[in-house]
Amino acid sequence: MAPEGVAELRDWLFLLMLCLTLLAEVLEVAAATGYDEEEDLVCPSVCRCDEDFIYCNDRGLSSIPPLPPSATVLYLQNNHIDNAGLPTSLERHLTVRVVYLYDNELDDFPMHLPPSLRELHLQDNNIRTLPRATLARMPLLEKLHLDDNSVSTVSIEDKAFVDNPRLRLLFLSRNHLSSIPSGLPASLEELRLDDNRISTIPTHAFRGLSSLRRLVLDGNLLANQRIADDTFSRLSNLTELSLVRNSLLTPPLNLPSAHLQRLSLQDNALIHMPRGSLDGMRRLQRLDLSGNNLTTLPRGLFKDLDSLGQLLARGNPWHCGCNLRWLHDWLHARGNSITVRGLTCQAPEKVRDMTLKDLTSQMEECEVAGVVPAGAGATGSGTRDRVGGVGGVAASSTTLSPPQGSLFTLRSKRPGLGLPDSGLDYTLGSSGVGKSLALNVKPLAHDSIRVTWSVAQPTSSFRLSWLRLGTSAAMGSITETLVRGDRREYLLTSLQPRSSYIICMVPLAASSGGKGAMAGGDTDSDEAPVCAKAETSDPSQPDVGQEDNQDPEHMATLPLAGIIGGATVIVSLALIFAIFCWYGHRAGRLSSRDQYSRGSSRKSKHYDDYIESGTKKDTTILEIRGPGFQMTPMVTHQPPKPLREDYIIHTIFPSNGTGLYKGAHQVSNAGYGTNRGYRERGIPDIDYCYT
């Protein structure tokens, strides 16, 4: 090979070696730099890290700092992070599973979140919309907390959760929802919608949510007439239902019963628990009826509640008479297997503030009254009245209010009174055997009816029976009670609203009163029963019966009350007008005193209190009604000093219709205490007033 070729090859080899050396140096520097950056990203300086848990909460951050690539749980709550503070690089952290971003300043649903996210906390922000595209970026999301935001029903995009097939928990408490959101995923197991503005639940509201186990609807505007009958029946796997702080009068119809374990109905307006409303709830463990208007519970309401371990009933006006004998026995039969709170009697007065479970002796008297032997005669009637006395209703005929029917009612073992055809409209009638009886019934409220009657001949007692239409007499639904012969009125309470009742009465002979009442036979009296028909009102409508039931004496007092009220209003208006005139007169006098000063009040002042420019004190000019001025007293021990900011008062009586005025800058040239010239009548040309 030629020497020139060898030299050229050597040069090329040297150049190649030099390039390789430089490349190695560059790679070493790059590796060192990358290692340093990775070391810097192990934990942000403003945060605290514990393995894969990054704690950046309560740091006053406005944006998310760079995070290490191994982070799995991010605590970013209680900061000032807004939507602009979410970096786009955040969605590249594929190891993040949980993000806490509550109590920040987010106005929109955050974007650029990691697609690997399983749990997201966004409470206490100002998020208004739920866009489908943003939620679709998190297909693995299982828990979403959106409490205390500004989400409304219309701001949730249609099919917003269609791309979140794993979502199991959705919290939307304390937002602006007016209805149940549509398009909820079928995988949902827990849904919280409490403290919103939901007033209506249609039939299809929970369609497809067969996996839902817990539903919370507390603090909304729900009422019975705005809830579809089969709304909750679709939730076949529901284990907990909470309807606290709504406007329910009765429990919603067709509640799911197969798996329900906790039912919360406290702080509503419940006035009635229909028989059968809790049927089939064999797994129910906790029932809360606190804070309602319940006075009694129908027999057989708890027949399927074998697993009930906690019954909360405080805050109700319980009427503990023979009507709750069944509940008393049921509680004693359950023993220590159930915890009862708040089942305290409010009426009758004799048992007030006593728990129902402690009324054993009173309830035994109800049982004694039901087994009075035949032939007891008037004694049977007296025994029944004595039971009523135990219940707290006075037996005296001078009592102003009639006894409550719920104290005395006993279910007949077999219907003893043959009621006429319920399809007719019965009016007042008389007996067919010569003993006349006139019966009158009048509804007072949605759950009470007043019964009054008059008889031509005295009798020992009456048998009063009533039946709610729509039920069969063969099933033993007739309710009977004995009423003393000296009474002429009776009050039926704890009736079902919006129901029709047939009420019948028959006088009993003294020789067969007890037998007919207790044995239920129809041979105790030869007189046919007198019946009437009445209907209870709708609880949602105002009761007009109470207005029509006022005595004429009360109505007569209305004109007098109107006259007294009118006179009171006139006197009040006159008094207000007098105060207004006095205040105006006083304000006028004060303003006049501020404008004009009395000469007599100035005579007691010392001469040193007035500052004049070389003139003698003349008290005759201290009160000026025309164009003039008011002289201001100065502190006695401080000599007057002419100041630059003082002003000159114009002449008292200007000559030739012109006024003499000197600016404040000329005051320094005028010497204090110099003699001033006088015009005619001894009036000075100008006066100086220093303040």
Foldseek 3Di string as FASTA:
>chain_A
DDPVVVVVVVVVVVVVVVVVVVVVVVVVVVVVVVVVVLVCQAAPPCWDDDQQEIGNDPSQDQADDRHHLSHAEYHHDHHAHEQVRYDLCQQVSQRHAEYAHAHYAYAADHANHHLNYAEYAHEHYAHAAQALVRLLSNQNYAEYHHEHYAYEQVRYDVLSCVSNQRHAYYEHEPYAYQDQHPNDHLNYAEYEHEQYAHAAYDQCSCPNNQNHAYYHHHNYAYEQVRYDQCNQQSNQNYAEYAHHQYAYQEDRHNHHAQRHAYYHHAQYAHAAYDAPRNPNNLNHAEYAHYHYAYAAYAPNNCVNPPNHAEYEYANYQHQQALRCLNVLVVDVVCPNSHHYHHQAHCDDPVRHRHHNVPCPVLNVLLVVLQCDDFQPFLVSLVSLLVSQVSSRDDQDQPDPDAGEPSRRKDQAPAALADDPDPVDAAAFDAWPPPKGKGWDWAAQAQFKIKIFMDTPDFAQKKKKWKAWPPDDRGVRRIIIGIGGRSHGMHMYGPHHGFIKMKMKMDGFHRRGPNVCRNVSHPPRDPTHIGIHMDHRHDNVDDGPRNVVPDDVVVVVCVVVVVVVVVVVVVVVVVVVVVVVVVVVVVVVVVVVCVVWPDLVVCVVDDPLQFFKAQDDDDSVPQTDDPPDDHAGGDDNPDDDDLDLPFAWRWFPDDPPPDIDGDGSNCPVVRDGNDHFDADPPRGGHTIGGDD
